[in-house]
């Protein structure tokens, strides 16, 4: 049990950033070389394009989807996509290839809630 407590204490100190005297001595002996290595690493990181930032700045074009009686109106679809409609239980009840642009498509669904998916766009619709 005493050994376990020592390990937990070292782990805690490591997590909050406190190093052991041996680790401090080793890092001091590297001196300017360690600073140069860190500086080089930081410099490279600043000049790269980060895929996460690029993905965050990328915006999908907004697709307008409306239900009008028993017709589904899709506006401003930028490219051909697959339209999938799922019922609330997750069962696919409708599937169709949709050309780009604006169009109306007849869908005969019973009353209830459905999940509509076109490409990466998902929307909940209610049939009343």
N, C-alpha and C. Protein backbone atom coordinates (compact mmCIF):
# COMPACT_ATOMS: atom_id res chain seq x y z
N UNK A 1 0.83 -1.20 0.00
CA UNK A 1 0.00 0.00 0.00
C UNK A 1 0.87 1.26 0.00
N UNK A 2 1.98 1.22 0.73
CA UNK A 2 2.87 2.37 0.79
C UNK A 2 3.47 2.65 -0.59
N UNK A 3 3.82 1.58 -1.31
CA UNK A 3 4.37 1.71 -2.66
C UNK A 3 3.34 2.35 -3.60
N UNK A 4 2.09 1.94 -3.47
CA UNK A 4 1.01 2.48 -4.29
C UNK A 4 0.84 3.97 -4.05
N UNK A 5 0.90 4.39 -2.79
CA UNK A 5 0.77 5.82 -2.47
C UNK A 5 1.91 6.63 -3.08
N UNK A 6 3.11 6.09 -3.05
CA UNK A 6 4.26 6.79 -3.64
C UNK A 6 4.06 6.97 -5.14
N UNK A 7 3.58 5.92 -5.80
CA UNK A 7 3.34 6.00 -7.24
C UNK A 7 2.25 7.03 -7.53
N UNK A 8 1.19 7.02 -6.74
CA UNK A 8 0.10 7.98 -6.96
C UNK A 8 0.57 9.41 -6.74
N UNK A 9 1.43 9.63 -5.72
CA UNK A 9 1.96 10.96 -5.46
C UNK A 9 2.82 11.43 -6.63
N UNK A 10 3.70 10.56 -7.14
CA UNK A 10 4.52 10.93 -8.29
C UNK A 10 3.66 11.23 -9.52
N UNK A 11 2.62 10.42 -9.71
CA UNK A 11 1.73 10.63 -10.84
C UNK A 11 1.01 11.98 -10.71
N UNK A 12 0.54 12.29 -9.51
CA UNK A 12 -0.13 13.57 -9.27
C UNK A 12 0.82 14.74 -9.54
N UNK A 13 2.04 14.64 -9.03
CA UNK A 13 3.01 15.71 -9.24
C UNK A 13 3.34 15.87 -10.73
N UNK A 14 3.43 14.75 -11.42
CA UNK A 14 3.68 14.79 -12.87
C UNK A 14 2.53 15.50 -13.59
N UNK A 15 1.29 15.19 -13.20
CA UNK A 15 0.12 15.78 -13.86
C UNK A 15 0.03 17.28 -13.66
N UNK A 16 0.44 17.77 -12.50
CA UNK A 16 0.35 19.21 -12.27
C UNK A 16 1.61 19.95 -12.70
N UNK A 17 2.59 19.20 -13.23
CA UNK A 17 3.75 19.86 -13.82
C UNK A 17 4.96 19.99 -12.93
N UNK A 18 4.97 19.37 -11.77
CA UNK A 18 6.14 19.41 -10.90
C UNK A 18 7.03 18.24 -11.28
N UNK A 19 8.31 18.52 -11.57
CA UNK A 19 9.24 17.47 -11.96
C UNK A 19 10.13 17.09 -10.79
N UNK A 20 10.75 15.95 -10.90
CA UNK A 20 11.67 15.50 -9.86
C UNK A 20 13.00 16.22 -10.02
N UNK A 21 13.83 16.28 -8.95
CA UNK A 21 15.14 16.94 -9.06
C UNK A 21 16.01 16.32 -10.15
N UNK A 22 15.93 15.01 -10.35
CA UNK A 22 16.73 14.35 -11.39
C UNK A 22 16.32 14.86 -12.77
N UNK A 23 15.02 15.03 -13.00
CA UNK A 23 14.56 15.53 -14.30
C UNK A 23 15.00 16.97 -14.53
N UNK A 24 14.97 17.79 -13.47
CA UNK A 24 15.41 19.18 -13.60
C UNK A 24 16.89 19.24 -13.92
N UNK A 25 17.70 18.38 -13.26
CA UNK A 25 19.14 18.36 -13.50
C UNK A 25 19.43 17.96 -14.95
N UNK A 26 18.71 16.96 -15.46
CA UNK A 26 18.92 16.52 -16.84
C UNK A 26 18.55 17.62 -17.83
N UNK A 27 17.46 18.33 -17.58
CA UNK A 27 17.06 19.38 -18.51
C UNK A 27 18.02 20.57 -18.44
N UNK A 28 18.59 20.85 -17.25
CA UNK A 28 19.56 21.95 -17.13
C UNK A 28 20.86 21.61 -17.82
N UNK A 29 21.25 20.32 -17.79
CA UNK A 29 22.51 19.94 -18.42
C UNK A 29 22.44 20.09 -19.94
N UNK A 30 21.24 20.02 -20.51
CA UNK A 30 21.11 20.20 -21.96
C UNK A 30 21.24 21.67 -22.33
N UNK A 31 20.92 22.57 -21.41
CA UNK A 31 21.11 24.01 -21.58
C UNK A 31 20.48 24.58 -22.82
N UNK A 32 21.28 25.31 -23.60
CA UNK A 32 20.78 26.02 -24.79
C UNK A 32 20.27 25.06 -25.86
N UNK A 33 20.83 23.85 -25.89
CA UNK A 33 20.37 22.88 -26.88
C UNK A 33 18.89 22.57 -26.69
N UNK A 34 18.46 22.40 -25.43
CA UNK A 34 17.04 22.13 -25.15
C UNK A 34 16.18 23.32 -25.56
N UNK A 35 16.65 24.55 -25.26
CA UNK A 35 15.89 25.74 -25.66
C UNK A 35 15.76 25.83 -27.17
N UNK A 36 16.85 25.52 -27.87
CA UNK A 36 16.83 25.56 -29.33
C UNK A 36 15.86 24.54 -29.90
N UNK A 37 15.84 23.36 -29.30
CA UNK A 37 14.93 22.32 -29.78
C UNK A 37 13.49 22.76 -29.60
N UNK A 38 13.16 23.34 -28.46
CA UNK A 38 11.80 23.80 -28.22
C UNK A 38 11.45 24.93 -29.17
N UNK A 39 12.36 25.86 -29.35
CA UNK A 39 12.12 26.99 -30.25
C UNK A 39 11.88 26.51 -31.68
N UNK A 40 12.69 25.55 -32.14
CA UNK A 40 12.51 25.02 -33.49
C UNK A 40 11.15 24.36 -33.63
N UNK A 41 10.74 23.62 -32.62
CA UNK A 41 9.45 22.94 -32.68
C UNK A 41 8.32 23.96 -32.74
N UNK A 42 8.41 25.00 -31.93
CA UNK A 42 7.37 26.02 -31.94
C UNK A 42 7.33 26.75 -33.28
N UNK A 43 8.48 27.03 -33.84
CA UNK A 43 8.54 27.76 -35.10
C UNK A 43 7.89 26.96 -36.22
N UNK A 44 8.14 25.67 -36.28
CA UNK A 44 7.55 24.84 -37.33
C UNK A 44 6.03 24.81 -37.18
N UNK A 45 5.55 24.72 -35.94
CA UNK A 45 4.12 24.65 -35.70
C UNK A 45 3.37 25.90 -36.15
N UNK A 46 4.00 27.03 -36.07
CA UNK A 46 3.34 28.28 -36.44
C UNK A 46 3.20 28.42 -37.96
N UNK A 47 4.10 27.85 -38.71
CA UNK A 47 4.10 28.04 -40.15
C UNK A 47 3.22 27.04 -40.88
N UNK A 48 2.84 25.98 -40.25
CA UNK A 48 2.03 24.97 -40.91
C UNK A 48 0.57 25.38 -40.98
N UNK A 49 -0.10 24.88 -41.98
CA UNK A 49 -1.56 25.01 -42.03
C UNK A 49 -2.14 23.87 -41.23
N UNK A 50 -2.98 24.18 -40.29
CA UNK A 50 -3.56 23.16 -39.44
C UNK A 50 -4.88 22.69 -40.02
N UNK A 51 -5.02 21.36 -40.27
CA UNK A 51 -6.26 20.86 -40.87
C UNK A 51 -7.49 21.12 -40.02
N UNK A 52 -7.33 21.16 -38.69
CA UNK A 52 -8.48 21.41 -37.82
C UNK A 52 -8.99 22.84 -38.03
N UNK A 53 -8.08 23.80 -38.10
CA UNK A 53 -8.49 25.19 -38.33
C UNK A 53 -9.11 25.35 -39.71
N UNK A 54 -8.51 24.68 -40.71
CA UNK A 54 -9.06 24.77 -42.06
C UNK A 54 -10.46 24.18 -42.12
N UNK A 55 -10.68 23.07 -41.43
CA UNK A 55 -12.01 22.45 -41.41
C UNK A 55 -13.01 23.34 -40.69
N UNK A 56 -12.58 24.02 -39.63
CA UNK A 56 -13.48 24.90 -38.89
C UNK A 56 -13.88 26.10 -39.74
N UNK A 57 -13.00 26.56 -40.61
CA UNK A 57 -13.31 27.71 -41.45
C UNK A 57 -14.12 27.35 -42.68
N UNK A 58 -14.19 26.07 -43.01
CA UNK A 58 -14.93 25.62 -44.19
C UNK A 58 -16.42 25.57 -43.85
N UNK A 59 -17.23 26.19 -44.68
CA UNK A 59 -18.67 26.19 -44.44
C UNK A 59 -19.37 25.50 -45.59
N UNK A 60 -20.25 24.57 -45.24
CA UNK A 60 -21.06 23.90 -46.25
C UNK A 60 -22.14 24.88 -46.72
N UNK A 61 -22.45 24.87 -48.02
CA UNK A 61 -23.55 25.72 -48.48
C UNK A 61 -24.87 25.27 -47.84
N UNK A 62 -25.71 26.23 -47.49
CA UNK A 62 -26.96 25.89 -46.83
C UNK A 62 -27.98 25.41 -47.84
N UNK A 63 -28.58 24.27 -47.55
CA UNK A 63 -29.61 23.69 -48.41
C UNK A 63 -30.95 23.96 -47.74
N UNK A 64 -31.88 24.54 -48.48
CA UNK A 64 -33.22 24.81 -47.94
C UNK A 64 -34.11 23.61 -48.24
N UNK A 65 -34.73 23.06 -47.18
CA UNK A 65 -35.59 21.89 -47.31
C UNK A 65 -36.94 22.23 -46.68
N UNK A 66 -38.02 22.04 -47.45
CA UNK A 66 -39.36 22.30 -46.92
C UNK A 66 -40.31 21.20 -47.37
N UNK A 67 -41.27 20.88 -46.51
CA UNK A 67 -42.34 19.95 -46.85
C UNK A 67 -43.57 20.76 -47.19
N UNK A 68 -44.12 20.58 -48.38
CA UNK A 68 -45.34 21.25 -48.80
C UNK A 68 -46.32 20.15 -49.18
N UNK A 69 -47.31 19.94 -48.31
CA UNK A 69 -48.27 18.84 -48.45
C UNK A 69 -47.52 17.52 -48.59
N UNK A 70 -47.65 16.83 -49.70
CA UNK A 70 -46.94 15.56 -49.85
C UNK A 70 -45.74 15.69 -50.79
N UNK A 71 -45.21 16.93 -50.92
CA UNK A 71 -44.05 17.18 -51.77
C UNK A 71 -42.91 17.73 -50.93
N UNK A 72 -41.73 17.28 -51.24
CA UNK A 72 -40.52 17.76 -50.57
C UNK A 72 -39.83 18.74 -51.51
N UNK A 73 -39.63 19.98 -51.06
CA UNK A 73 -38.97 21.00 -51.89
C UNK A 73 -37.55 21.18 -51.38
N UNK A 74 -36.60 20.97 -52.27
CA UNK A 74 -35.18 21.13 -51.95
C UNK A 74 -34.64 22.25 -52.82
N UNK A 75 -34.06 23.27 -52.17
CA UNK A 75 -33.54 24.44 -52.88
C UNK A 75 -32.05 24.58 -52.66
N UNK A 76 -31.36 25.03 -53.69
CA UNK A 76 -29.94 25.37 -53.64
C UNK A 76 -29.05 24.17 -53.31
N UNK A 77 -29.34 23.03 -53.87
CA UNK A 77 -28.48 21.86 -53.69
C UNK A 77 -27.26 22.05 -54.60
N UNK A 78 -26.05 22.14 -54.04
CA UNK A 78 -24.88 22.49 -54.85
C UNK A 78 -24.43 21.39 -55.81
N UNK A 79 -24.66 20.14 -55.45
CA UNK A 79 -24.24 19.03 -56.31
C UNK A 79 -25.18 17.85 -56.12
N UNK A 80 -25.10 16.91 -57.02
CA UNK A 80 -25.95 15.73 -56.93
C UNK A 80 -25.72 15.03 -55.59
N UNK A 81 -26.81 14.57 -54.98
CA UNK A 81 -26.71 13.92 -53.67
C UNK A 81 -27.77 12.84 -53.55
N UNK A 82 -27.63 12.04 -52.52
CA UNK A 82 -28.61 11.00 -52.22
C UNK A 82 -29.51 11.52 -51.10
N UNK A 83 -30.81 11.47 -51.32
CA UNK A 83 -31.79 11.83 -50.31
C UNK A 83 -32.22 10.55 -49.60
N UNK A 84 -32.10 10.54 -48.29
CA UNK A 84 -32.55 9.41 -47.48
C UNK A 84 -33.49 9.92 -46.41
N UNK A 85 -34.60 9.23 -46.21
CA UNK A 85 -35.55 9.59 -45.15
C UNK A 85 -35.69 8.37 -44.25
N UNK A 86 -35.53 8.62 -42.94
CA UNK A 86 -35.63 7.57 -41.92
C UNK A 86 -36.80 7.88 -41.00
N UNK A 87 -37.51 6.84 -40.56
CA UNK A 87 -38.55 7.07 -39.56
C UNK A 87 -37.91 7.22 -38.19
N UNK A 88 -38.71 7.47 -37.18
CA UNK A 88 -38.18 7.73 -35.85
C UNK A 88 -37.49 6.51 -35.23
N UNK A 89 -37.77 5.33 -35.78
CA UNK A 89 -37.12 4.10 -35.30
C UNK A 89 -35.78 3.85 -36.00
N UNK A 90 -35.44 4.70 -36.96
CA UNK A 90 -34.17 4.56 -37.67
C UNK A 90 -34.23 3.70 -38.91
N UNK A 91 -35.42 3.35 -39.35
CA UNK A 91 -35.60 2.52 -40.54
C UNK A 91 -35.70 3.44 -41.77
N UNK A 92 -34.91 3.14 -42.80
CA UNK A 92 -34.95 3.94 -44.02
C UNK A 92 -36.26 3.66 -44.75
N UNK A 93 -37.04 4.74 -44.99
CA UNK A 93 -38.34 4.59 -45.64
C UNK A 93 -38.36 5.20 -47.04
N UNK A 94 -37.32 5.95 -47.41
CA UNK A 94 -37.30 6.59 -48.72
C UNK A 94 -35.85 6.81 -49.12
N UNK A 95 -35.55 6.61 -50.40
CA UNK A 95 -34.19 6.77 -50.90
C UNK A 95 -34.28 7.24 -52.35
N UNK A 96 -33.52 8.30 -52.69
CA UNK A 96 -33.60 8.81 -54.06
C UNK A 96 -32.36 9.64 -54.37
N UNK A 97 -31.92 9.60 -55.61
CA UNK A 97 -30.83 10.46 -56.08
C UNK A 97 -31.43 11.80 -56.50
N UNK A 98 -30.84 12.90 -56.01
CA UNK A 98 -31.36 14.24 -56.26
C UNK A 98 -30.34 15.01 -57.11
N UNK A 99 -30.76 15.60 -58.24
CA UNK A 99 -29.84 16.40 -59.05
C UNK A 99 -29.58 17.76 -58.38
N UNK A 100 -28.51 18.44 -58.76
CA UNK A 100 -28.23 19.76 -58.16
C UNK A 100 -29.29 20.79 -58.55
N UNK A 101 -29.37 21.84 -57.73
CA UNK A 101 -30.32 22.92 -58.02
C UNK A 101 -31.53 22.86 -57.11
N UNK A 102 -32.68 23.25 -57.65
CA UNK A 102 -33.93 23.31 -56.90
C UNK A 102 -34.93 22.37 -57.54
N UNK A 103 -35.69 21.65 -56.70
CA UNK A 103 -36.69 20.75 -57.24
C UNK A 103 -37.69 20.31 -56.19
N UNK A 104 -38.82 19.78 -56.65
CA UNK A 104 -39.85 19.23 -55.77
C UNK A 104 -40.01 17.75 -56.08
N UNK A 105 -40.15 16.96 -55.01
CA UNK A 105 -40.22 15.51 -55.16
C UNK A 105 -41.39 14.99 -54.33
N UNK A 106 -42.26 14.18 -54.95
CA UNK A 106 -43.40 13.64 -54.19
C UNK A 106 -42.92 12.56 -53.22
N UNK A 107 -43.36 12.67 -51.99
CA UNK A 107 -43.09 11.64 -50.98
C UNK A 107 -44.40 11.34 -50.27
N UNK A 108 -44.73 10.09 -50.17
CA UNK A 108 -45.98 9.69 -49.53
C UNK A 108 -45.64 9.02 -48.21
N UNK A 109 -45.66 9.83 -47.15
CA UNK A 109 -45.32 9.34 -45.82
C UNK A 109 -46.53 9.48 -44.91
N UNK A 110 -46.66 8.57 -43.97
CA UNK A 110 -47.73 8.68 -42.98
C UNK A 110 -47.37 9.74 -41.95
N UNK A 111 -48.35 10.14 -41.15
CA UNK A 111 -48.10 11.15 -40.11
C UNK A 111 -47.01 10.68 -39.17
N UNK A 112 -46.18 11.62 -38.74
CA UNK A 112 -45.11 11.31 -37.79
C UNK A 112 -43.88 12.16 -38.02
N UNK A 113 -42.83 11.80 -37.30
CA UNK A 113 -41.56 12.52 -37.39
C UNK A 113 -40.57 11.68 -38.19
N UNK A 114 -39.77 12.37 -38.99
CA UNK A 114 -38.80 11.70 -39.84
C UNK A 114 -37.47 12.46 -39.81
N UNK A 115 -36.40 11.74 -40.08
CA UNK A 115 -35.08 12.33 -40.22
C UNK A 115 -34.74 12.30 -41.70
N UNK A 116 -34.44 13.46 -42.24
CA UNK A 116 -34.13 13.60 -43.66
C UNK A 116 -32.64 13.88 -43.79
N UNK A 117 -31.95 13.15 -44.65
CA UNK A 117 -30.51 13.33 -44.83
C UNK A 117 -30.21 13.51 -46.31
N UNK A 118 -29.51 14.61 -46.62
CA UNK A 118 -29.04 14.87 -47.98
C UNK A 118 -27.55 15.17 -47.87
N UNK A 119 -26.72 14.28 -48.35
CA UNK A 119 -25.27 14.46 -48.22
C UNK A 119 -24.90 14.53 -46.76
N UNK A 120 -24.31 15.67 -46.34
CA UNK A 120 -23.93 15.86 -44.94
C UNK A 120 -24.97 16.66 -44.16
N UNK A 121 -26.04 17.07 -44.80
CA UNK A 121 -27.09 17.85 -44.15
C UNK A 121 -28.16 16.92 -43.62
N UNK A 122 -28.54 17.12 -42.36
CA UNK A 122 -29.59 16.32 -41.73
C UNK A 122 -30.63 17.27 -41.15
N UNK A 123 -31.90 16.89 -41.31
CA UNK A 123 -32.98 17.74 -40.80
C UNK A 123 -34.12 16.86 -40.31
N UNK A 124 -34.77 17.32 -39.25
CA UNK A 124 -35.95 16.62 -38.73
C UNK A 124 -37.19 17.25 -39.37
N UNK A 125 -38.11 16.42 -39.85
CA UNK A 125 -39.35 16.93 -40.42
C UNK A 125 -40.53 16.25 -39.74
N UNK A 126 -41.65 16.94 -39.73
CA UNK A 126 -42.89 16.39 -39.15
C UNK A 126 -43.95 16.38 -40.23
N UNK A 127 -44.61 15.24 -40.39
CA UNK A 127 -45.73 15.11 -41.32
C UNK A 127 -46.99 15.12 -40.46
N UNK A 128 -47.89 16.08 -40.72
CA UNK A 128 -49.11 16.20 -39.90
C UNK A 128 -50.34 15.88 -40.69
